[in-house]
Amino acid sequence: MTKLTDLSTGGRTRAEQLAALLEERIRTLAPGEPVGTIEDIRRESGLARATVSEAIRLLRDRGVLAIKPGRGGGLFAAEAGPVVRMRRTLLAVREEPSAVADAIELRNHLEELIDVGAARCRTAADVPRLRSRLDAMAAAGSWGEFVRANWALHEEIAALCPNAMARAVYLGTLGHLSTTEPNLSGPGAGSYRARRLRVHADLVDAIVAGDEAAVRAAVARHHITD
């Protein structure tokens, strides 16, 4: 069984890491099987109740977890709707040799849809979280930390997109890519990282401003890797 204490350092929050670990566990359960209670998860993970509650909210929003209040209630594995089935299909092909290349191609095709959707639907309350993710990229002490902070920023952006199907597929591609950690070094590494940070800063600025033309321009620059 997945251990809820297997948290790592990196760009994702503790709530997001806990949600990922819980989702692995839930995938082994039949719909309607109990996952436990908030207090059960809090004791097992050792995390604060607020962190556990946020992880549960993330899983509920993804359609993975059902919350039943009252006597006999608790947390249960949700019925697998089309979005959940799609996410599981993407996870099932993770080990195929072409998975990473396929994930990059698919993500690039979805990037504009996801980011324009985020620009249309973002609220003032979303802005600090986007800025915080960008700050984590800027403060990363290594290339690996920078990459993980990058994935976390894209997850935050995707959460704002109202298209649930596109969001599920996009997050599935990030699941493939976040397991690969490139090692960038050499004399040009610093300037390359600065360019990538600038592109992502422009993307966040465009989403915050709700400027769809600027979002599309930032996405086009985002796909250029040289």
C-alpha atoms as a PDB file:
ATOM      1  CA  MET A   1       0.000   0.000   0.000  1.00  0.00           C
ATOM      2  CA  THR A   2       1.182   3.519  -0.827  1.00  0.00           C
ATOM      3  CA  LYS A   3       2.734   5.217   2.199  1.00  0.00           C
ATOM      4  CA  LEU A   4       1.295   8.667   2.850  1.00  0.00           C
ATOM      5  CA  THR A   5       4.573   9.772   4.417  1.00  0.00           C
ATOM      6  CA  ASP A   6       6.548   9.454   1.152  1.00  0.00           C
ATOM      7  CA  LEU A   7       6.630  13.192   0.525  1.00  0.00           C
ATOM      8  CA  SER A   8       9.460  14.778  -1.415  1.00  0.00           C
ATOM      9  CA  THR A   9      10.907  18.245  -1.686  1.00  0.00           C
ATOM     10  CA  GLY A  10      10.292  20.183  -4.868  1.00  0.00           C
ATOM     11  CA  GLY A  11       7.801  22.481  -6.535  1.00  0.00           C
ATOM     12  CA  ARG A  12       4.576  20.810  -5.412  1.00  0.00           C
ATOM     13  CA  THR A  13       2.897  21.684  -2.132  1.00  0.00           C
ATOM     14  CA  ARG A  14       2.450  19.068   0.578  1.00  0.00           C
ATOM     15  CA  ALA A  15      -1.274  18.973  -0.202  1.00  0.00           C
ATOM     16  CA  GLU A  16      -0.564  18.204  -3.872  1.00  0.00           C
ATOM     17  CA  GLN A  17       1.951  15.516  -2.966  1.00  0.00           C
ATOM     18  CA  LEU A  18      -0.481  13.954  -0.508  1.00  0.00           C
ATOM     19  CA  ALA A  19      -3.236  14.053  -3.138  1.00  0.00           C
ATOM     20  CA  ALA A  20      -0.972  12.190  -5.581  1.00  0.00           C
ATOM     21  CA  LEU A  21      -0.193   9.500  -2.993  1.00  0.00           C
ATOM     22  CA  LEU A  22      -3.854   9.129  -2.066  1.00  0.00           C
ATOM     23  CA  GLU A  23      -4.822   8.869  -5.722  1.00  0.00           C
ATOM     24  CA  GLU A  24      -2.399   5.958  -6.156  1.00  0.00           C
ATOM     25  CA  ARG A  25      -4.114   4.210  -3.265  1.00  0.00           C
ATOM     26  CA  ILE A  26      -7.609   4.980  -4.517  1.00  0.00           C
ATOM     27  CA  ARG A  27      -6.794   3.475  -7.921  1.00  0.00           C
ATOM     28  CA  THR A  28      -6.504   0.091  -6.188  1.00  0.00           C
ATOM     29  CA  LEU A  29     -10.029   0.359  -4.724  1.00  0.00           C
ATOM     30  CA  ALA A  30     -13.390  -0.453  -6.238  1.00  0.00           C
ATOM     31  CA  PRO A  31     -15.923   2.398  -6.551  1.00  0.00           C
ATOM     32  CA  GLY A  32     -17.629   2.956  -3.219  1.00  0.00           C
ATOM     33  CA  GLU A  33     -14.872   1.381  -1.121  1.00  0.00           C
ATOM     34  CA  PRO A  34     -13.895   3.468   1.910  1.00  0.00           C
ATOM     35  CA  VAL A  35     -10.686   5.483   1.855  1.00  0.00           C
ATOM     36  CA  GLY A  36     -10.953   6.468   5.504  1.00  0.00           C
ATOM     37  CA  THR A  37     -11.631   9.742   7.270  1.00  0.00           C
ATOM     38  CA  ILE A  38      -9.778  13.026   7.382  1.00  0.00           C
ATOM     39  CA  GLU A  39      -8.553  12.102  10.852  1.00  0.00           C
ATOM     40  CA  ASP A  40      -7.309   8.692   9.624  1.00  0.00           C
ATOM     41  CA  ILE A  41      -5.307  10.357   6.858  1.00  0.00           C
ATOM     42  CA  ARG A  42      -4.039  13.066   9.195  1.00  0.00           C
ATOM     43  CA  ARG A  43      -2.720  10.481  11.657  1.00  0.00           C
ATOM     44  CA  GLU A  44      -1.122   8.339   8.951  1.00  0.00           C
ATOM     45  CA  SER A  45       0.503  11.196   7.054  1.00  0.00           C
ATOM     46  CA  GLY A  46       1.462  13.307  10.064  1.00  0.00           C
ATOM     47  CA  LEU A  47       0.273  16.416   8.220  1.00  0.00           C
ATOM     48  CA  ALA A  48      -1.898  19.241   9.477  1.00  0.00           C
ATOM     49  CA  ARG A  49      -5.654  18.964   9.097  1.00  0.00           C
ATOM     50  CA  ALA A  50      -5.710  21.947   6.723  1.00  0.00           C
ATOM     51  CA  THR A  51      -3.191  20.228   4.431  1.00  0.00           C
ATOM     52  CA  VAL A  52      -5.204  16.995   4.439  1.00  0.00           C
ATOM     53  CA  SER A  53      -8.427  18.911   3.730  1.00  0.00           C
ATOM     54  CA  GLU A  54      -6.818  20.638   0.754  1.00  0.00           C
ATOM     55  CA  ALA A  55      -5.579  17.294  -0.642  1.00  0.00           C
ATOM     56  CA  ILE A  56      -9.091  15.871  -0.299  1.00  0.00           C
ATOM     57  CA  ARG A  57     -10.551  18.894  -2.077  1.00  0.00           C
ATOM     58  CA  LEU A  58      -8.132  18.372  -4.971  1.00  0.00           C
ATOM     59  CA  LEU A  59      -9.153  14.726  -5.305  1.00  0.00           C
ATOM     60  CA  ARG A  60     -12.848  15.560  -5.075  1.00  0.00           C
ATOM     61  CA  ASP A  61     -12.462  18.192  -7.812  1.00  0.00           C
ATOM     62  CA  ARG A  62     -10.689  15.615 -10.008  1.00  0.00           C
ATOM     63  CA  GLY A  63     -13.595  13.216  -9.578  1.00  0.00           C
ATOM     64  CA  VAL A  64     -11.448  10.630  -7.814  1.00  0.00           C
ATOM     65  CA  LEU A  65     -12.920  10.890  -4.320  1.00  0.00           C
ATOM     66  CA  ALA A  66     -16.493  11.026  -3.016  1.00  0.00           C
ATOM     67  CA  ILE A  67     -17.287  12.658   0.319  1.00  0.00           C
ATOM     68  CA  LYS A  68     -20.329  11.367   2.226  1.00  0.00           C
ATOM     69  CA  PRO A  69     -21.373  13.369   5.295  1.00  0.00           C
ATOM     70  CA  GLY A  70     -23.238  12.187   8.373  1.00  0.00           C
ATOM     71  CA  ARG A  71     -23.484   8.836  10.107  1.00  0.00           C
ATOM     72  CA  GLY A  72     -21.667   6.144   8.168  1.00  0.00           C
ATOM     73  CA  GLY A  73     -20.072   8.800   6.002  1.00  0.00           C
ATOM     74  CA  GLY A  74     -16.447   9.461   5.188  1.00  0.00           C
ATOM     75  CA  LEU A  75     -14.233   9.334   2.127  1.00  0.00           C
ATOM     76  CA  PHE A  76     -14.915   6.793  -0.615  1.00  0.00           C
ATOM     77  CA  ALA A  77     -13.488   5.880  -4.004  1.00  0.00           C
ATOM     78  CA  ALA A  78     -15.660   7.631  -6.578  1.00  0.00           C
ATOM     79  CA  GLU A  79     -17.390   6.028  -9.513  1.00  0.00           C
ATOM     80  CA  ALA A  80     -14.993   6.256 -12.459  1.00  0.00           C
ATOM     81  CA  GLY A  81     -16.496   8.807 -14.830  1.00  0.00           C
ATOM     82  CA  PRO A  82     -14.995   9.524 -18.263  1.00  0.00           C
ATOM     83  CA  VAL A  83     -12.435  12.025 -16.945  1.00  0.00           C
ATOM     84  CA  VAL A  84     -11.147   9.614 -14.296  1.00  0.00           C
ATOM     85  CA  ARG A  85     -11.008   6.747 -16.800  1.00  0.00           C
ATOM     86  CA  MET A  86      -9.010   8.955 -19.143  1.00  0.00           C
ATOM     87  CA  ARG A  87      -6.516   9.819 -16.395  1.00  0.00           C
ATOM     88  CA  ARG A  88      -6.098   6.128 -15.562  1.00  0.00           C
ATOM     89  CA  THR A  89      -5.536   5.278 -19.220  1.00  0.00           C
ATOM     90  CA  LEU A  90      -2.788   7.881 -19.436  1.00  0.00           C
ATOM     91  CA  LEU A  91      -1.152   6.489 -16.314  1.00  0.00           C
ATOM     92  CA  ALA A  92      -1.344   2.955 -17.717  1.00  0.00           C
ATOM     93  CA  VAL A  93       0.805   3.813 -20.758  1.00  0.00           C
ATOM     94  CA  ARG A  94       3.503   5.548 -18.715  1.00  0.00           C
ATOM     95  CA  GLU A  95       6.022   2.730 -19.142  1.00  0.00           C
ATOM     96  CA  GLU A  96       5.800   2.549 -22.943  1.00  0.00           C
ATOM     97  CA  PRO A  97       9.096   3.568 -24.651  1.00  0.00           C
ATOM     98  CA  SER A  98       7.545   6.437 -26.601  1.00  0.00           C
ATOM     99  CA  ALA A  99       5.520   7.769 -23.651  1.00  0.00           C
ATOM    100  CA  VAL A 100       7.647  10.851 -22.947  1.00  0.00           C
ATOM    101  CA  ALA A 101       7.847  11.947 -26.596  1.00  0.00           C
ATOM    102  CA  ASP A 102       4.114  11.348 -27.009  1.00  0.00           C
ATOM    103  CA  ALA A 103       3.385  13.295 -23.813  1.00  0.00           C
ATOM    104  CA  ILE A 104       5.429  16.287 -25.021  1.00  0.00           C
ATOM    105  CA  GLU A 105       3.643  16.331 -28.386  1.00  0.00           C
ATOM    106  CA  LEU A 106       0.206  16.064 -26.772  1.00  0.00           C
ATOM    107  CA  ARG A 107       0.958  18.672 -24.135  1.00  0.00           C
ATOM    108  CA  ASN A 108       2.160  21.145 -26.746  1.00  0.00           C
ATOM    109  CA  HIS A 109      -1.095  20.763 -28.673  1.00  0.00           C
ATOM    110  CA  LEU A 110      -3.140  21.334 -25.510  1.00  0.00           C
ATOM    111  CA  GLU A 111      -1.072  24.187 -24.054  1.00  0.00           C
ATOM    112  CA  GLU A 112      -2.885  27.020 -25.793  1.00  0.00           C
ATOM    113  CA  LEU A 113      -6.335  25.625 -24.968  1.00  0.00           C
ATOM    114  CA  ILE A 114      -5.415  25.213 -21.299  1.00  0.00           C
ATOM    115  CA  ASP A 115      -3.726  28.589 -20.937  1.00  0.00           C
ATOM    116  CA  VAL A 116      -6.395  30.589 -22.785  1.00  0.00           C
ATOM    117  CA  GLY A 117      -9.026  28.884 -20.630  1.00  0.00           C
ATOM    118  CA  ALA A 118      -7.070  29.905 -17.534  1.00  0.00           C
ATOM    119  CA  ALA A 119      -6.877  33.513 -18.766  1.00  0.00           C
ATOM    120  CA  ARG A 120     -10.636  33.594 -19.269  1.00  0.00           C
ATOM    121  CA  CYS A 121     -11.515  32.135 -15.891  1.00  0.00           C
ATOM    122  CA  ARG A 122      -8.822  33.314 -13.497  1.00  0.00           C
ATOM    123  CA  THR A 123      -9.923  35.429 -10.541  1.00  0.00           C
ATOM    124  CA  ALA A 124      -8.082  37.819  -8.276  1.00  0.00           C
ATOM    125  CA  ALA A 125      -7.791  35.029  -5.703  1.00  0.00           C
ATOM    126  CA  ASP A 126      -5.848  32.884  -8.191  1.00  0.00           C
ATOM    127  CA  VAL A 127      -3.150  35.469  -8.887  1.00  0.00           C
ATOM    128  CA  PRO A 128      -1.076  35.001  -5.686  1.00  0.00           C
ATOM    129  CA  ARG A 129      -0.850  31.240  -6.299  1.00  0.00           C
ATOM    130  CA  LEU A 130       0.376  31.755  -9.854  1.00  0.00           C
ATOM    131  CA  ARG A 131       2.926  34.320  -8.682  1.00  0.00           C
ATOM    132  CA  SER A 132       4.071  31.996  -5.898  1.00  0.00           C
ATOM    133  CA  ARG A 133       4.700  29.173  -8.385  1.00  0.00           C
ATOM    134  CA  LEU A 134       6.703  31.533 -10.558  1.00  0.00           C
ATOM    135  CA  ASP A 135       8.709  32.699  -7.538  1.00  0.00           C
ATOM    136  CA  ALA A 136       9.516  29.044  -6.755  1.00  0.00           C
ATOM    137  CA  MET A 137      10.955  28.642 -10.266  1.00  0.00           C
ATOM    138  CA  ALA A 138      13.082  31.756  -9.811  1.00  0.00           C
ATOM    139  CA  ALA A 139      14.336  30.595  -6.393  1.00  0.00           C
ATOM    140  CA  ALA A 140      15.118  26.999  -7.418  1.00  0.00           C
ATOM    141  CA  GLY A 141      18.614  25.981  -6.358  1.00  0.00           C
ATOM    142  CA  SER A 142      19.135  23.343  -9.036  1.00  0.00           C
ATOM    143  CA  TRP A 143      17.924  22.472 -12.489  1.00  0.00           C
ATOM    144  CA  GLY A 144      15.884  19.575 -11.076  1.00  0.00           C
ATOM    145  CA  GLU A 145      14.127  21.898  -8.625  1.00  0.00           C
ATOM    146  CA  PHE A 146      13.515  24.370 -11.449  1.00  0.00           C
ATOM    147  CA  VAL A 147      11.870  21.664 -13.564  1.00  0.00           C
ATOM    148  CA  ARG A 148       9.665  20.473 -10.710  1.00  0.00           C
ATOM    149  CA  ALA A 149       8.624  24.057  -9.951  1.00  0.00           C
ATOM    150  CA  ASN A 150       7.841  24.437 -13.652  1.00  0.00           C
ATOM    151  CA  TRP A 151       5.505  21.406 -13.572  1.00  0.00           C
ATOM    152  CA  ALA A 152       3.828  22.789 -10.449  1.00  0.00           C
ATOM    153  CA  LEU A 153       3.189  26.113 -12.200  1.00  0.00           C
ATOM    154  CA  HIS A 154       1.612  24.366 -15.169  1.00  0.00           C
ATOM    155  CA  GLU A 155      -0.568  22.287 -12.827  1.00  0.00           C
ATOM    156  CA  GLU A 156      -1.727  25.501 -11.158  1.00  0.00           C
ATOM    157  CA  ILE A 157      -2.579  27.026 -14.538  1.00  0.00           C
ATOM    158  CA  ALA A 158      -4.400  23.883 -15.673  1.00  0.00           C
ATOM    159  CA  ALA A 159      -6.549  23.928 -12.525  1.00  0.00           C
ATOM    160  CA  LEU A 160      -8.022  27.237 -13.758  1.00  0.00           C
ATOM    161  CA  CYS A 161      -9.105  25.855 -17.141  1.00  0.00           C
ATOM    162  CA  PRO A 162     -12.852  25.058 -17.222  1.00  0.00           C
ATOM    163  CA  ASN A 163     -12.522  22.270 -19.824  1.00  0.00           C
ATOM    164  CA  ALA A 164     -12.431  19.163 -17.614  1.00  0.00           C
ATOM    165  CA  MET A 165     -11.549  16.763 -20.442  1.00  0.00           C
ATOM    166  CA  ALA A 166      -8.664  18.881 -21.702  1.00  0.00           C
ATOM    167  CA  ARG A 167      -7.485  19.407 -18.132  1.00  0.00           C
ATOM    168  CA  ALA A 168      -7.482  15.667 -17.421  1.00  0.00           C
ATOM    169  CA  VAL A 169      -5.455  14.840 -20.530  1.00  0.00           C
ATOM    170  CA  TYR A 170      -3.058  17.725 -19.957  1.00  0.00           C
ATOM    171  CA  LEU A 171      -2.414  16.768 -16.331  1.00  0.00           C
ATOM    172  CA  GLY A 172      -1.897  13.196 -17.495  1.00  0.00           C
ATOM    173  CA  THR A 173       0.878  14.347 -19.813  1.00  0.00           C
ATOM    174  CA  LEU A 174       2.495  16.255 -16.945  1.00  0.00           C
ATOM    175  CA  GLY A 175       2.352  13.044 -14.938  1.00  0.00           C
ATOM    176  CA  HIS A 176       4.532  11.428 -17.582  1.00  0.00           C
ATOM    177  CA  LEU A 177       6.917  14.358 -17.899  1.00  0.00           C
ATOM    178  CA  SER A 178       7.336  14.982 -14.168  1.00  0.00           C
ATOM    179  CA  THR A 179       8.902  11.530 -13.802  1.00  0.00           C
ATOM    180  CA  THR A 180      11.751  12.550 -16.114  1.00  0.00           C
ATOM    181  CA  GLU A 181      14.258  14.972 -14.659  1.00  0.00           C
ATOM    182  CA  PRO A 182      16.711  16.282 -17.259  1.00  0.00           C
ATOM    183  CA  ASN A 183      20.164  17.291 -16.130  1.00  0.00           C
ATOM    184  CA  LEU A 184      21.105  20.609 -17.719  1.00  0.00           C
ATOM    185  CA  SER A 185      24.669  21.787 -17.203  1.00  0.00           C
ATOM    186  CA  GLY A 186      27.417  23.551 -19.069  1.00  0.00           C
ATOM    187  CA  PRO A 187      28.264  27.152 -19.934  1.00  0.00           C
ATOM    188  CA  GLY A 188      24.896  27.903 -21.536  1.00  0.00           C
ATOM    189  CA  ALA A 189      22.736  26.430 -18.794  1.00  0.00           C
ATOM    190  CA  GLY A 190      22.276  29.670 -16.853  1.00  0.00           C
ATOM    191  CA  SER A 191      21.170  31.718 -19.849  1.00  0.00           C
ATOM    192  CA  TYR A 192      18.819  28.954 -21.018  1.00  0.00           C
ATOM    193  CA  ARG A 193      17.200  28.780 -17.587  1.00  0.00           C
ATOM    194  CA  ALA A 194      16.804  32.583 -17.557  1.00  0.00           C
ATOM    195  CA  ARG A 195      15.071  32.466 -20.946  1.00  0.00           C
ATOM    196  CA  ARG A 196      12.696  29.743 -19.778  1.00  0.00           C
ATOM    197  CA  LEU A 197      11.881  31.723 -16.638  1.00  0.00           C
ATOM    198  CA  ARG A 198      11.153  34.815 -18.736  1.00  0.00           C
ATOM    199  CA  VAL A 199       8.794  32.882 -20.999  1.00  0.00           C
ATOM    200  CA  HIS A 200       6.875  31.573 -18.010  1.00  0.00           C
ATOM    201  CA  ALA A 201       6.773  35.026 -16.414  1.00  0.00           C
ATOM    202  CA  ASP A 202       5.291  36.404 -19.648  1.00  0.00           C
ATOM    203  CA  LEU A 203       2.741  33.585 -19.688  1.00  0.00           C
ATOM    204  CA  VAL A 204       1.660  34.252 -16.104  1.00  0.00           C
ATOM    205  CA  ASP A 205       1.443  38.016 -16.793  1.00  0.00           C
ATOM    206  CA  ALA A 206      -0.769  37.355 -19.816  1.00  0.00           C
ATOM    207  CA  ILE A 207      -3.060  34.990 -17.888  1.00  0.00           C
ATOM    208  CA  VAL A 208      -3.349  37.446 -14.988  1.00  0.00           C
ATOM    209  CA  ALA A 209      -4.192  40.240 -17.433  1.00  0.00           C
ATOM    210  CA  GLY A 210      -6.728  38.061 -19.248  1.00  0.00           C
ATOM    211  CA  ASP A 211      -4.965  38.970 -22.512  1.00  0.00           C
ATOM    212  CA  GLU A 212      -5.665  36.030 -24.828  1.00  0.00           C
ATOM    213  CA  ALA A 213      -3.468  37.337 -27.652  1.00  0.00           C
ATOM    214  CA  ALA A 214      -0.538  37.667 -25.251  1.00  0.00           C
ATOM    215  CA  VAL A 215      -1.233  34.177 -23.919  1.00  0.00           C
ATOM    216  CA  ARG A 216      -1.058  32.720 -27.433  1.00  0.00           C
ATOM    217  CA  ALA A 217       2.191  34.592 -28.110  1.00  0.00           C
ATOM    218  CA  ALA A 218       3.700  33.322 -24.841  1.00  0.00           C
ATOM    219  CA  VAL A 219       2.644  29.762 -25.660  1.00  0.00           C
ATOM    220  CA  ALA A 220       4.336  30.015 -29.073  1.00  0.00           C
ATOM    221  CA  ARG A 221       7.559  31.138 -27.367  1.00  0.00           C
ATOM    222  CA  HIS A 222       7.123  28.421 -24.732  1.00  0.00           C
ATOM    223  CA  HIS A 223       7.381  25.728 -27.404  1.00  0.00           C
ATOM    224  CA  ILE A 224      10.766  27.026 -28.599  1.00  0.00           C
ATOM    225  CA  THR A 225      13.435  25.176 -26.600  1.00  0.00           C
ATOM    226  CA  ASP A 226      16.665  26.590 -28.020  1.00  0.00           C
END
